[in-house]
Protein backbone atom coordinates (compact mmCIF):
# COMPACT_ATOMS: atom_id res chain seq x y z
CA UNK A 1 -0.73 -0.08 0.15
CA UNK A 2 1.49 3.22 -0.86
CA UNK A 3 1.81 5.60 1.58
CA UNK A 4 -1.22 8.34 2.65
CA UNK A 5 -4.60 8.56 2.89
CA UNK A 6 -6.61 6.53 1.08
CA UNK A 7 -10.94 6.22 -0.03
CA UNK A 8 -12.38 3.97 2.27
CA UNK A 9 -16.16 4.73 1.17
CA UNK A 10 -18.69 7.90 1.49
CA UNK A 11 -19.39 7.74 4.87
CA UNK A 12 -23.77 7.46 4.21
CA UNK A 13 -23.08 3.75 2.46
CA UNK A 14 -21.51 3.03 5.66
CA UNK A 15 -24.21 1.44 8.62
CA UNK A 16 -23.86 3.70 12.31
CA UNK A 17 -23.11 0.10 14.58
CA UNK A 18 -21.66 -2.49 12.17
CA UNK A 19 -18.14 -3.54 11.04
CA UNK A 20 -17.68 -3.47 7.46
CA UNK A 21 -15.29 -4.82 4.55
CA UNK A 22 -13.87 -2.47 2.70
CA UNK A 23 -10.90 -2.40 0.44
CA UNK A 24 -8.36 0.16 0.87
CA UNK A 25 -5.54 -0.10 -1.98
CA UNK A 26 -5.89 -3.73 -2.30
CA UNK A 27 -5.67 -4.19 1.18
CA UNK A 28 -8.77 -5.69 3.01
CA UNK A 29 -10.32 -3.37 6.35
CA UNK A 30 -12.72 -3.09 8.31
CA UNK A 31 -14.91 -0.43 9.15
CA UNK A 32 -16.74 0.35 12.07
CA UNK A 33 -19.28 3.69 12.14
CA UNK A 34 -19.94 4.76 15.34
CA UNK A 35 -22.46 7.43 17.10
CA UNK A 36 -21.27 11.22 16.04
CA UNK A 37 -19.77 9.60 12.58
CA UNK A 38 -16.39 8.76 14.01
CA UNK A 39 -15.35 5.66 11.75
CA UNK A 40 -12.30 3.32 13.07
CA UNK A 41 -10.48 0.68 10.41
CA UNK A 42 -8.55 -1.90 11.57
CA UNK A 43 -6.92 -4.79 9.11
CA UNK A 44 -9.88 -6.90 8.09
CA UNK A 45 -7.96 -10.77 9.05
CA UNK A 46 -7.89 -11.22 12.75
CA UNK A 47 -3.81 -11.36 13.98
CA UNK A 48 -4.21 -15.08 14.97
CA UNK A 49 -5.42 -17.05 11.77
CA UNK A 50 -6.92 -14.70 9.69
CA UNK A 51 -10.82 -14.67 10.71
CA UNK A 52 -12.32 -12.10 9.34
CA UNK A 53 -12.98 -9.27 11.78
CA UNK A 54 -15.70 -7.66 9.72
CA UNK A 55 -18.48 -10.51 10.33
CA UNK A 56 -17.63 -10.11 14.61
CA UNK A 57 -19.23 -8.73 16.74
CA UNK A 58 -18.73 -4.88 18.29
CA UNK A 59 -18.56 -4.90 22.27
CA UNK A 60 -18.09 -2.33 25.02
CA UNK A 61 -15.68 -0.28 21.91
CA UNK A 62 -13.68 -3.55 20.45
CA UNK A 63 -13.74 -6.13 18.19
CA UNK A 64 -14.62 -9.54 18.48
CA UNK A 65 -13.21 -12.54 16.11
CA UNK A 66 -16.06 -14.28 14.57
CA UNK A 67 -13.60 -17.84 14.39
CA UNK A 68 -12.16 -17.68 18.01
CA UNK A 69 -12.99 -14.88 20.29
CA UNK A 70 -9.63 -13.22 19.60
CA UNK A 71 -11.39 -9.08 20.92
CA UNK A 72 -9.35 -6.38 19.52
CA UNK A 73 -9.81 -2.44 20.78
CA UNK A 74 -11.28 -0.27 17.80
CA UNK A 75 -9.64 3.25 18.78
CA UNK A 76 -5.99 1.42 18.47
CA UNK A 77 -5.95 -2.30 17.23
CA UNK A 78 -5.06 -3.63 20.97
CA UNK A 79 -5.72 -7.64 21.85
CA UNK A 80 -7.85 -7.30 24.82
CA UNK A 81 -7.97 -11.24 24.79
CA UNK A 82 -7.43 -14.07 22.91
CA UNK A 83 -6.01 -15.73 21.74
CA UNK A 84 -4.45 -13.45 19.66
CA UNK A 85 -1.52 -12.67 21.04
CA UNK A 86 -0.66 -9.47 18.42
CA UNK A 87 -2.77 -6.32 18.19
CA UNK A 88 -4.71 -5.83 15.06
CA UNK A 89 -2.79 -2.98 12.39
CA UNK A 90 -4.75 0.32 12.78
CA UNK A 91 -5.48 2.79 10.28
CA UNK A 92 -6.04 6.35 11.10
CA UNK A 93 -9.32 8.09 9.47
CA UNK A 94 -10.66 10.88 9.17
CA UNK A 95 -13.47 11.93 6.42
CA UNK A 96 -13.02 15.29 3.61
CA UNK A 97 -16.40 16.20 2.45
CA UNK A 98 -18.26 13.53 3.22
CA UNK A 99 -15.84 10.78 2.69
CA UNK A 100 -14.19 8.47 4.95
CA UNK A 101 -10.37 8.59 4.17
CA UNK A 102 -7.64 6.40 6.26
CA UNK A 103 -4.61 5.28 5.71
CA UNK A 104 -1.97 3.21 8.35
CA UNK A 105 -1.49 4.03 11.60
CA UNK A 106 2.17 4.16 12.20
């Protein structure tokens, strides 16, 4: 992925409170729109065994993998519970003219 900001989706296309699979310049991500139009983005495939996080469950500001239950904090990808032992790559997001953009957090 090239450095810099990349288009994720129009804000209106992201349902509030539901993980959504998106493609970010060839990289699969899961985007979550929260109240106040705050959008979080993490790498789509769980760091444990590549489960599809866009099919996961939101709970208390975290996203739980549907396969084995690893739970990641939306704000920074930190793994709260295992079996994952590594955090999820997280993306910074911004909204510009109704479009959500993201870049890999460094």
